Every structure is written in C-alpha cells, then in structure tokens.
C-alpha cells in the first residue's frame, strides 16, 4: 500500500530527501539526477513494491509522474 507525503527538503544534491514529517529517504545513485530537480512541497507517493533488495521503496512524484528508487534512513 502506498503512502503520500509532501517533500520538505532536498539534501546533498538529491541524494537525500526529507519528508514533511521528518523522515528521510536515501535515493539510489542512478536516480539522483532525477530527484535533484524535484521541487519542495511536491507530493510523493511511496510504496514498498520495488524489486531492488537494498533500495526497496518506489517513490513517485505525483506532480510530474517521475519515479525513483530509495530506502528509509
């Protein structure tokens, strides 16, 4: 099941995403070029259905429909 939460802050040029509630996501290296361009307060949809054993979260920016893989920190 997916959860939605606004993006509060982008750190380390897109490597870390901070959600409005304070939780943090580490972005997969291959996806940093995508997440670094996202805008603060974009609504993110986070689900745990990714097939990657390490970056097990699929994160979709509902504003532009871009998707990346990440893991909780």
N, C-alpha and C. Protein backbone atom coordinates (compact mmCIF):
# COMPACT_ATOMS: atom_id res chain seq x y z
N UNK A 1 0.83 -1.19 0.00
CA UNK A 1 0.00 0.00 0.00
C UNK A 1 0.88 1.25 0.00
N UNK A 2 0.53 2.21 -0.83
CA UNK A 2 1.32 3.42 -0.96
C UNK A 2 0.87 4.48 0.05
N UNK A 3 1.82 5.26 0.48
CA UNK A 3 1.52 6.41 1.34
C UNK A 3 1.94 7.67 0.61
N UNK A 4 1.32 8.77 0.97
CA UNK A 4 1.64 10.05 0.33
C UNK A 4 2.10 11.05 1.38
N UNK A 5 3.13 11.79 1.00
CA UNK A 5 3.63 12.82 1.91
C UNK A 5 4.39 13.87 1.10
N UNK A 6 4.27 15.14 1.49
CA UNK A 6 4.99 16.20 0.78
C UNK A 6 6.50 16.15 1.05
N UNK A 7 7.24 16.56 0.05
CA UNK A 7 8.69 16.68 0.14
C UNK A 7 9.02 17.99 0.85
N UNK A 8 9.82 17.93 1.89
CA UNK A 8 10.15 19.11 2.69
C UNK A 8 11.50 19.72 2.30
N UNK A 9 12.46 18.87 1.97
CA UNK A 9 13.82 19.35 1.72
C UNK A 9 14.57 18.35 0.86
N UNK A 10 15.46 18.88 0.02
CA UNK A 10 16.36 18.05 -0.78
C UNK A 10 17.78 18.33 -0.31
N UNK A 11 18.50 17.29 0.09
CA UNK A 11 19.86 17.45 0.61
C UNK A 11 20.86 16.70 -0.26
N UNK A 12 22.11 17.13 -0.18
CA UNK A 12 23.23 16.50 -0.89
C UNK A 12 22.93 16.34 -2.38
N UNK A 13 22.43 17.42 -2.99
CA UNK A 13 22.17 17.44 -4.43
C UNK A 13 21.24 16.33 -4.90
N UNK A 14 20.26 15.98 -4.09
CA UNK A 14 19.28 14.98 -4.47
C UNK A 14 19.51 13.59 -3.91
N UNK A 15 20.61 13.39 -3.20
CA UNK A 15 20.90 12.08 -2.62
C UNK A 15 19.97 11.76 -1.44
N UNK A 16 19.57 12.79 -0.68
CA UNK A 16 18.68 12.61 0.46
C UNK A 16 17.43 13.46 0.29
N UNK A 17 16.29 12.85 0.57
CA UNK A 17 15.02 13.56 0.54
C UNK A 17 14.44 13.55 1.94
N UNK A 18 14.02 14.71 2.42
CA UNK A 18 13.41 14.83 3.74
C UNK A 18 11.93 15.09 3.54
N UNK A 19 11.10 14.29 4.18
CA UNK A 19 9.65 14.45 4.07
C UNK A 19 9.16 15.43 5.12
N UNK A 20 7.95 15.92 4.93
CA UNK A 20 7.40 16.93 5.83
C UNK A 20 7.34 16.45 7.28
N UNK A 21 7.10 15.16 7.49
CA UNK A 21 7.04 14.61 8.84
C UNK A 21 8.42 14.38 9.45
N UNK A 22 9.49 14.62 8.67
CA UNK A 22 10.85 14.49 9.19
C UNK A 22 11.57 13.22 8.79
N UNK A 23 10.85 12.25 8.23
CA UNK A 23 11.53 11.02 7.79
C UNK A 23 12.39 11.31 6.58
N UNK A 24 13.44 10.49 6.43
CA UNK A 24 14.42 10.73 5.36
C UNK A 24 14.56 9.52 4.47
N UNK A 25 14.78 9.79 3.19
CA UNK A 25 14.99 8.74 2.19
C UNK A 25 16.36 8.92 1.56
N UNK A 26 17.07 7.81 1.37
CA UNK A 26 18.32 7.82 0.59
C UNK A 26 17.98 7.34 -0.81
N UNK A 27 18.33 8.14 -1.80
CA UNK A 27 17.99 7.86 -3.20
C UNK A 27 19.07 6.98 -3.83
N UNK A 28 18.64 6.04 -4.64
CA UNK A 28 19.57 5.19 -5.40
C UNK A 28 20.43 6.08 -6.29
N UNK A 29 21.72 5.79 -6.38
CA UNK A 29 22.67 6.64 -7.11
C UNK A 29 22.22 6.92 -8.55
N UNK A 30 21.67 5.94 -9.20
CA UNK A 30 21.23 6.11 -10.59
C UNK A 30 20.07 7.08 -10.73
N UNK A 31 19.39 7.39 -9.64
CA UNK A 31 18.20 8.25 -9.68
C UNK A 31 18.43 9.66 -9.13
N UNK A 32 19.64 9.95 -8.67
CA UNK A 32 19.92 11.26 -8.06
C UNK A 32 19.71 12.40 -9.06
N UNK A 33 20.02 12.17 -10.31
CA UNK A 33 19.83 13.24 -11.31
C UNK A 33 18.35 13.60 -11.47
N UNK A 34 17.46 12.68 -11.16
CA UNK A 34 16.02 12.94 -11.23
C UNK A 34 15.56 13.66 -9.96
N UNK A 35 15.88 13.10 -8.79
CA UNK A 35 15.39 13.66 -7.52
C UNK A 35 15.97 15.05 -7.24
N UNK A 36 17.14 15.35 -7.77
CA UNK A 36 17.76 16.66 -7.52
C UNK A 36 16.97 17.80 -8.16
N UNK A 37 16.12 17.48 -9.12
CA UNK A 37 15.33 18.51 -9.82
C UNK A 37 13.92 18.66 -9.26
N UNK A 38 13.55 17.82 -8.31
CA UNK A 38 12.20 17.91 -7.74
C UNK A 38 12.04 19.18 -6.92
N UNK A 39 10.81 19.62 -6.80
CA UNK A 39 10.52 20.85 -6.07
C UNK A 39 10.02 20.54 -4.66
N UNK A 40 10.43 21.37 -3.72
CA UNK A 40 9.95 21.24 -2.35
C UNK A 40 8.43 21.39 -2.36
N UNK A 41 7.78 20.62 -1.50
CA UNK A 41 6.33 20.53 -1.34
C UNK A 41 5.65 19.71 -2.43
N UNK A 42 6.43 19.09 -3.31
CA UNK A 42 5.83 18.14 -4.25
C UNK A 42 5.28 16.97 -3.45
N UNK A 43 4.15 16.45 -3.87
CA UNK A 43 3.54 15.30 -3.21
C UNK A 43 4.23 14.03 -3.70
N UNK A 44 4.75 13.24 -2.76
CA UNK A 44 5.42 11.99 -3.11
C UNK A 44 4.55 10.81 -2.71
N UNK A 45 4.49 9.83 -3.57
CA UNK A 45 3.78 8.58 -3.28
C UNK A 45 4.85 7.50 -3.08
N UNK A 46 4.87 6.91 -1.89
CA UNK A 46 5.92 5.96 -1.51
C UNK A 46 5.31 4.59 -1.31
N UNK A 47 5.84 3.60 -2.01
CA UNK A 47 5.35 2.23 -1.86
C UNK A 47 6.55 1.29 -1.73
N UNK A 48 6.32 0.16 -1.10
CA UNK A 48 7.41 -0.79 -0.86
C UNK A 48 7.36 -1.96 -1.84
N UNK A 49 7.02 -1.69 -3.08
CA UNK A 49 6.92 -2.76 -4.07
C UNK A 49 8.07 -2.78 -5.08
N UNK A 50 9.19 -2.15 -4.73
CA UNK A 50 10.35 -2.16 -5.62
C UNK A 50 11.02 -3.53 -5.58
N UNK A 51 11.61 -3.92 -6.68
CA UNK A 51 12.26 -5.24 -6.77
C UNK A 51 13.72 -5.22 -6.34
N UNK A 52 14.24 -4.08 -5.98
CA UNK A 52 15.63 -3.96 -5.56
C UNK A 52 15.73 -4.35 -4.08
N UNK A 53 16.65 -5.24 -3.71
CA UNK A 53 16.74 -5.68 -2.31
C UNK A 53 17.23 -4.58 -1.36
N UNK A 54 18.00 -3.62 -1.84
CA UNK A 54 18.52 -2.56 -0.98
C UNK A 54 17.62 -1.32 -1.04
N UNK A 55 17.37 -0.83 -2.24
CA UNK A 55 16.51 0.35 -2.43
C UNK A 55 15.10 -0.17 -2.69
N UNK A 56 14.43 -0.55 -1.60
CA UNK A 56 13.18 -1.29 -1.68
C UNK A 56 11.93 -0.43 -1.75
N UNK A 57 12.10 0.88 -1.91
CA UNK A 57 10.95 1.79 -1.99
C UNK A 57 10.86 2.40 -3.38
N UNK A 58 9.66 2.42 -3.90
CA UNK A 58 9.38 3.10 -5.16
C UNK A 58 8.77 4.45 -4.78
N UNK A 59 9.39 5.54 -5.23
CA UNK A 59 8.94 6.89 -4.88
C UNK A 59 8.53 7.60 -6.17
N UNK A 60 7.26 7.98 -6.23
CA UNK A 60 6.74 8.66 -7.41
C UNK A 60 6.35 10.09 -7.05
N UNK A 61 6.86 11.03 -7.81
CA UNK A 61 6.50 12.43 -7.65
C UNK A 61 5.19 12.62 -8.41
N UNK A 62 4.11 12.87 -7.69
CA UNK A 62 2.80 12.97 -8.33
C UNK A 62 2.64 14.25 -9.14
N UNK A 63 3.52 15.21 -8.96
CA UNK A 63 3.45 16.47 -9.70
C UNK A 63 3.88 16.28 -11.16
N UNK A 64 4.91 15.46 -11.38
CA UNK A 64 5.44 15.29 -12.73
C UNK A 64 5.50 13.82 -13.16
N UNK A 65 5.02 12.93 -12.31
CA UNK A 65 4.93 11.50 -12.59
C UNK A 65 6.30 10.83 -12.78
N UNK A 66 7.35 11.43 -12.24
CA UNK A 66 8.68 10.79 -12.28
C UNK A 66 8.80 9.83 -11.13
N UNK A 67 9.60 8.77 -11.32
CA UNK A 67 9.72 7.72 -10.32
C UNK A 67 11.19 7.41 -10.06
N UNK A 68 11.50 7.18 -8.79
CA UNK A 68 12.86 6.81 -8.40
C UNK A 68 12.76 5.66 -7.40
N UNK A 69 13.91 5.11 -7.05
CA UNK A 69 14.00 4.09 -6.00
C UNK A 69 14.81 4.65 -4.84
N UNK A 70 14.40 4.28 -3.62
CA UNK A 70 15.05 4.82 -2.42
C UNK A 70 14.92 3.82 -1.27
N UNK A 71 15.53 4.18 -0.14
CA UNK A 71 15.41 3.39 1.08
C UNK A 71 15.28 4.35 2.25
N UNK A 72 14.62 3.89 3.33
CA UNK A 72 14.49 4.71 4.54
C UNK A 72 15.85 4.84 5.20
N UNK A 73 16.08 5.97 5.84
CA UNK A 73 17.32 6.18 6.59
C UNK A 73 17.02 6.07 8.08
